[in-house]
Protein backbone atom coordinates (compact mmCIF):
# COMPACT_ATOMS: atom_id res chain seq x y z
CA UNK A 1 26.66 11.01 11.92
CA UNK A 2 26.65 9.90 15.55
CA UNK A 3 27.03 6.11 15.61
CA UNK A 4 24.58 5.73 18.51
CA UNK A 5 21.51 6.66 16.47
CA UNK A 6 18.08 5.24 15.67
CA UNK A 7 18.73 6.01 12.00
CA UNK A 8 21.98 4.05 11.98
CA UNK A 9 20.09 1.09 13.43
CA UNK A 10 17.34 1.33 10.82
CA UNK A 11 19.96 1.62 8.09
CA UNK A 12 21.66 -1.55 9.30
CA UNK A 13 18.43 -3.46 8.73
CA UNK A 14 18.00 -2.05 5.21
CA UNK A 15 21.62 -2.94 4.45
CA UNK A 16 20.78 -6.48 5.52
CA UNK A 17 18.44 -6.78 2.52
CA UNK A 18 21.25 -5.70 0.20
CA UNK A 19 23.57 -8.28 1.75
CA UNK A 20 21.06 -11.12 1.55
CA UNK A 21 20.72 -10.93 -2.24
CA UNK A 22 24.47 -11.22 -2.77
CA UNK A 23 25.42 -14.47 -4.53
CA UNK A 24 27.68 -15.48 -1.64
CA UNK A 25 24.83 -15.39 0.88
CA UNK A 26 21.43 -15.91 -0.69
CA UNK A 27 21.65 -19.70 -0.83
CA UNK A 28 22.34 -19.87 2.92
CA UNK A 29 18.95 -18.24 3.53
CA UNK A 30 17.08 -20.89 1.51
CA UNK A 31 16.26 -23.28 4.40
CA UNK A 32 15.12 -20.52 6.81
CA UNK A 33 12.94 -19.05 4.07
CA UNK A 34 11.36 -22.46 3.40
CA UNK A 35 10.67 -22.84 7.14
CA UNK A 36 9.16 -19.35 7.17
CA UNK A 37 6.91 -20.16 4.21
CA UNK A 38 5.49 -23.26 5.94
CA UNK A 39 4.90 -21.36 9.18
CA UNK A 40 3.46 -18.42 7.25
CA UNK A 41 0.86 -20.65 5.62
CA UNK A 42 -0.13 -22.26 8.92
CA UNK A 43 -0.20 -19.13 11.08
CA UNK A 44 -1.88 -16.95 8.46
CA UNK A 45 -4.63 -19.53 7.98
CA UNK A 46 -5.19 -19.63 11.75
CA UNK A 47 -5.05 -15.81 11.99
CA UNK A 48 -7.73 -15.32 9.31
CA UNK A 49 -9.96 -18.03 10.81
CA UNK A 50 -9.80 -16.65 14.36
CA UNK A 51 -10.27 -13.08 13.16
CA UNK A 52 -13.37 -13.98 11.13
CA UNK A 53 -14.82 -15.95 14.06
CA UNK A 54 -14.16 -13.05 16.41
CA UNK A 55 -15.83 -10.49 14.14
CA UNK A 56 -18.87 -12.74 13.62
CA UNK A 57 -19.15 -13.20 17.39
CA UNK A 58 -19.10 -9.42 17.92
CA UNK A 59 -21.75 -8.87 15.25
CA UNK A 60 -24.02 -11.52 16.77
CA UNK A 61 -23.62 -10.33 20.37
CA UNK A 62 -24.16 -6.61 19.73
CA UNK A 63 -27.49 -5.08 18.62
CA UNK A 64 -27.68 -3.78 15.07
CA UNK A 65 -27.58 -0.13 16.15
CA UNK A 66 -24.14 -0.79 17.66
CA UNK A 67 -22.63 -2.06 14.41
CA UNK A 68 -20.21 0.84 14.45
CA UNK A 69 -18.89 -0.43 17.80
CA UNK A 70 -18.37 -3.89 16.29
CA UNK A 71 -16.49 -2.28 13.41
CA UNK A 72 -14.28 -0.31 15.81
CA UNK A 73 -13.63 -3.33 18.03
CA UNK A 74 -12.87 -5.35 14.90
CA UNK A 75 -10.03 -2.93 14.08
CA UNK A 76 -8.65 -3.16 17.63
CA UNK A 77 -8.97 -6.95 17.51
CA UNK A 78 -7.09 -7.02 14.19
CA UNK A 79 -4.23 -4.91 15.60
CA UNK A 80 -3.91 -7.12 18.70
CA UNK A 81 -3.96 -10.28 16.59
CA UNK A 82 -1.42 -8.82 14.17
CA UNK A 83 0.98 -8.15 17.04
CA UNK A 84 0.41 -11.67 18.39
CA UNK A 85 0.85 -13.06 14.88
CA UNK A 86 4.20 -11.30 14.50
CA UNK A 87 5.33 -12.53 17.93
CA UNK A 88 4.45 -16.20 17.38
CA UNK A 89 5.77 -16.20 13.81
CA UNK A 90 9.11 -14.74 14.89
CA UNK A 91 9.46 -16.97 17.97
CA UNK A 92 8.72 -20.21 16.13
CA UNK A 93 10.92 -19.44 13.14
CA UNK A 94 13.80 -18.38 15.37
CA UNK A 95 13.73 -21.60 17.38
CA UNK A 96 13.35 -23.92 14.38
CA UNK A 97 15.74 -22.11 12.05
CA UNK A 98 18.28 -20.87 14.63
CA UNK A 99 21.15 -23.16 13.49
CA UNK A 100 20.71 -21.96 9.91
CA UNK A 101 20.60 -18.33 11.04
CA UNK A 102 23.86 -18.91 12.89
CA UNK A 103 25.37 -20.30 9.72
CA UNK A 104 24.05 -17.32 7.71
CA UNK A 105 25.54 -14.90 10.26
CA UNK A 106 28.90 -16.65 9.99
CA UNK A 107 28.96 -16.36 6.19
CA UNK A 108 27.79 -12.74 6.34
CA UNK A 109 30.61 -11.83 8.72
CA UNK A 110 33.10 -13.48 6.40
CA UNK A 111 31.77 -11.45 3.44
CA UNK A 112 32.03 -8.23 5.45
CA UNK A 113 35.46 -8.81 6.99
CA UNK A 114 37.13 -11.22 4.58
CA UNK A 115 38.22 -13.27 7.60
CA UNK A 116 36.85 -16.78 8.26
CA UNK A 117 35.67 -17.72 11.74
CA UNK A 118 36.75 -20.84 13.56
CA UNK A 119 35.36 -23.75 11.56
CA UNK A 120 32.31 -25.59 12.91
CA UNK A 121 30.02 -28.05 11.17
CA UNK A 122 26.27 -27.55 11.10
CA UNK A 123 25.76 -30.72 13.15
CA UNK A 124 28.08 -29.43 15.86
CA UNK A 125 26.42 -26.02 15.78
CA UNK A 126 22.82 -27.25 16.17
CA UNK A 127 22.79 -28.27 19.88
CA UNK A 128 24.78 -25.23 21.01
CA UNK A 129 22.70 -22.74 19.04
CA UNK A 130 19.36 -24.31 20.00
CA UNK A 131 20.25 -24.23 23.71
CA UNK A 132 21.29 -20.61 23.44
CA UNK A 133 18.05 -19.87 21.60
CA UNK A 134 16.05 -21.44 24.42
CA UNK A 135 18.00 -19.34 26.95
CA UNK A 136 17.13 -16.21 24.99
CA UNK A 137 13.45 -17.10 24.96
CA UNK A 138 13.51 -17.62 28.75
CA UNK A 139 15.12 -14.17 29.14
CA UNK A 140 12.46 -12.63 26.89
CA UNK A 141 9.60 -14.32 28.73
CA UNK A 142 10.75 -13.54 32.29
CA UNK A 143 11.52 -9.89 31.63
CA UNK A 144 8.53 -9.64 29.29
CA UNK A 145 6.19 -10.57 32.16
CA UNK A 146 7.65 -7.76 34.29
CA UNK A 147 7.32 -5.27 31.44
CA UNK A 148 3.73 -6.39 30.86
CA UNK A 149 2.85 -5.91 34.53
CA UNK A 150 4.46 -2.45 34.55
CA UNK A 151 2.66 -1.46 31.33
CA UNK A 152 -0.65 -2.77 32.69
CA UNK A 153 -0.20 -0.75 35.88
CA UNK A 154 0.66 2.41 33.93
CA UNK A 155 -2.29 1.97 31.56
CA UNK A 156 -4.71 2.27 34.49
CA UNK A 157 -3.28 5.61 35.57
CA UNK A 158 -4.60 7.54 32.56
CA UNK A 159 -1.60 9.77 31.93
CA UNK A 160 0.59 6.68 32.06
CA UNK A 161 -1.06 5.03 29.02
CA UNK A 162 1.28 6.65 26.44
CA UNK A 163 4.24 5.69 28.63
CA UNK A 164 2.96 2.11 28.79
CA UNK A 165 2.74 2.00 25.00
CA UNK A 166 6.26 3.39 24.58
CA UNK A 167 7.58 0.96 27.19
CA UNK A 168 6.04 -2.00 25.38
CA UNK A 169 7.34 -0.89 21.98
CA UNK A 170 10.83 -0.20 23.34
CA UNK A 171 10.98 -3.62 25.04
CA UNK A 172 9.83 -5.36 21.85
CA UNK A 173 12.44 -3.52 19.77
CA UNK A 174 15.13 -4.39 22.33
CA UNK A 175 14.18 -8.08 22.20
CA UNK A 176 14.44 -8.11 18.41
CA UNK A 177 17.86 -6.44 18.52
CA UNK A 178 19.09 -9.00 21.07
CA UNK A 179 17.59 -11.87 19.07
CA UNK A 180 19.34 -11.18 15.79
CA UNK A 181 22.68 -9.76 16.94
CA UNK A 182 23.12 -12.82 19.14
CA UNK A 183 23.82 -15.10 16.16
CA UNK A 184 27.02 -13.25 15.28
CA UNK A 185 27.91 -12.85 18.96
CA UNK A 186 27.45 -16.57 19.58
CA UNK A 187 29.58 -17.42 16.55
CA UNK A 188 32.34 -15.34 18.13
CA UNK A 189 31.79 -17.03 21.53
CA UNK A 190 30.66 -13.80 23.21
CA UNK A 191 28.56 -14.45 26.31
CA UNK A 192 24.88 -13.54 26.28
CA UNK A 193 25.35 -11.11 29.16
CA UNK A 194 28.24 -9.31 27.46
CA UNK A 195 26.20 -8.98 24.27
CA UNK A 196 23.39 -7.25 26.18
CA UNK A 197 25.93 -4.89 27.76
CA UNK A 198 27.35 -3.93 24.36
CA UNK A 199 23.88 -3.42 22.90
CA UNK A 200 23.04 -1.23 25.89
CA UNK A 201 26.07 0.95 25.18
CA UNK A 202 24.59 1.56 21.71
CA UNK A 203 21.01 1.85 22.98
CA UNK A 204 19.53 4.06 20.25
CA UNK A 205 21.15 2.11 17.44
CA UNK A 206 19.86 -1.11 18.99
CA UNK A 207 16.31 0.24 19.31
CA UNK A 208 16.41 1.62 15.76
CA UNK A 209 17.48 -1.72 14.37
CA UNK A 210 15.06 -3.73 16.51
CA UNK A 211 12.12 -1.45 15.79
CA UNK A 212 12.69 -1.60 12.03
CA UNK A 213 13.05 -5.37 12.05
CA UNK A 214 9.95 -5.73 14.24
CA UNK A 215 7.90 -3.66 11.79
CA UNK A 216 8.78 -5.92 8.86
CA UNK A 217 8.10 -9.14 10.80
CA UNK A 218 4.50 -7.96 11.31
CA UNK A 219 3.80 -7.58 7.57
CA UNK A 220 2.45 -10.79 5.98
CA UNK A 221 4.48 -12.19 3.04
CA UNK A 222 7.30 -9.71 3.70
CA UNK A 223 7.87 -11.44 7.05
CA UNK A 224 8.97 -14.55 5.16
CA UNK A 225 12.18 -12.72 4.30
CA UNK A 226 12.32 -10.35 7.29
CA UNK A 227 14.24 -12.66 9.63
CA UNK A 228 17.08 -13.60 7.20
CA UNK A 229 17.40 -9.90 6.34
CA UNK A 230 17.59 -9.12 10.07
CA UNK A 231 20.37 -11.70 10.54
CA UNK A 232 22.45 -10.09 7.80
CA UNK A 233 21.73 -6.57 9.07
CA UNK A 234 22.49 -7.52 12.66
CA UNK A 235 25.79 -9.09 11.58
CA UNK A 236 26.70 -5.81 9.89
CA UNK A 237 25.82 -4.03 13.15
CA UNK A 238 28.03 -6.50 15.01
CA UNK A 239 31.00 -6.01 12.69
CA UNK A 240 30.83 -2.20 12.65
CA UNK A 241 29.82 -1.35 16.22
CA UNK A 242 29.69 -4.33 18.59
CA UNK A 243 32.59 -6.63 17.75
């Protein structure tokens, strides 16, 4: 099968789940999973509260004969909030748990290759990884604003609405691919710009991996484990296609 393929990318993510349960790796995911559980409880509570308040507001503002509109808008509101929920959950967990994800990526690469990386303590890794994580978030935000403006412009042109949707989904999948492959790249001292270039050379694989990971981060409860799985899967992608 062609290596530059959406299906190869999706398979890398699934393989990440198989890697994570291996005895050599599962304990390194413990701290990130605990962080995810705490954030899951907080964000899910807020999500449910805001959703219920929003639906009640719609029901009170609309006349009874427009209840069907409130029901329809409630579905749209739920979808928008679910996307926002997935975004905030992923962003917060990545910033807080980034040093542990870097450590997990290092151990995963060693399992896959049998070769240890240059030794680095967790305390030495924390400032470097956190600063790189902040740089990534700045990249996502700046380009994300441009993508949002382009999608907003296209959505007003009628025929451009499907293109705007595809553009938004493709950008989100790209961001996820960059996010999780960067841990292995950073461990190997590859620059952030060079990583993006290598991901671009495997565009369909990158989008397949990022899209699959993005889907699982949007599913409550499953998203607790989605990020550690993505780290392992992205490291496999790094070893086989990007290194």
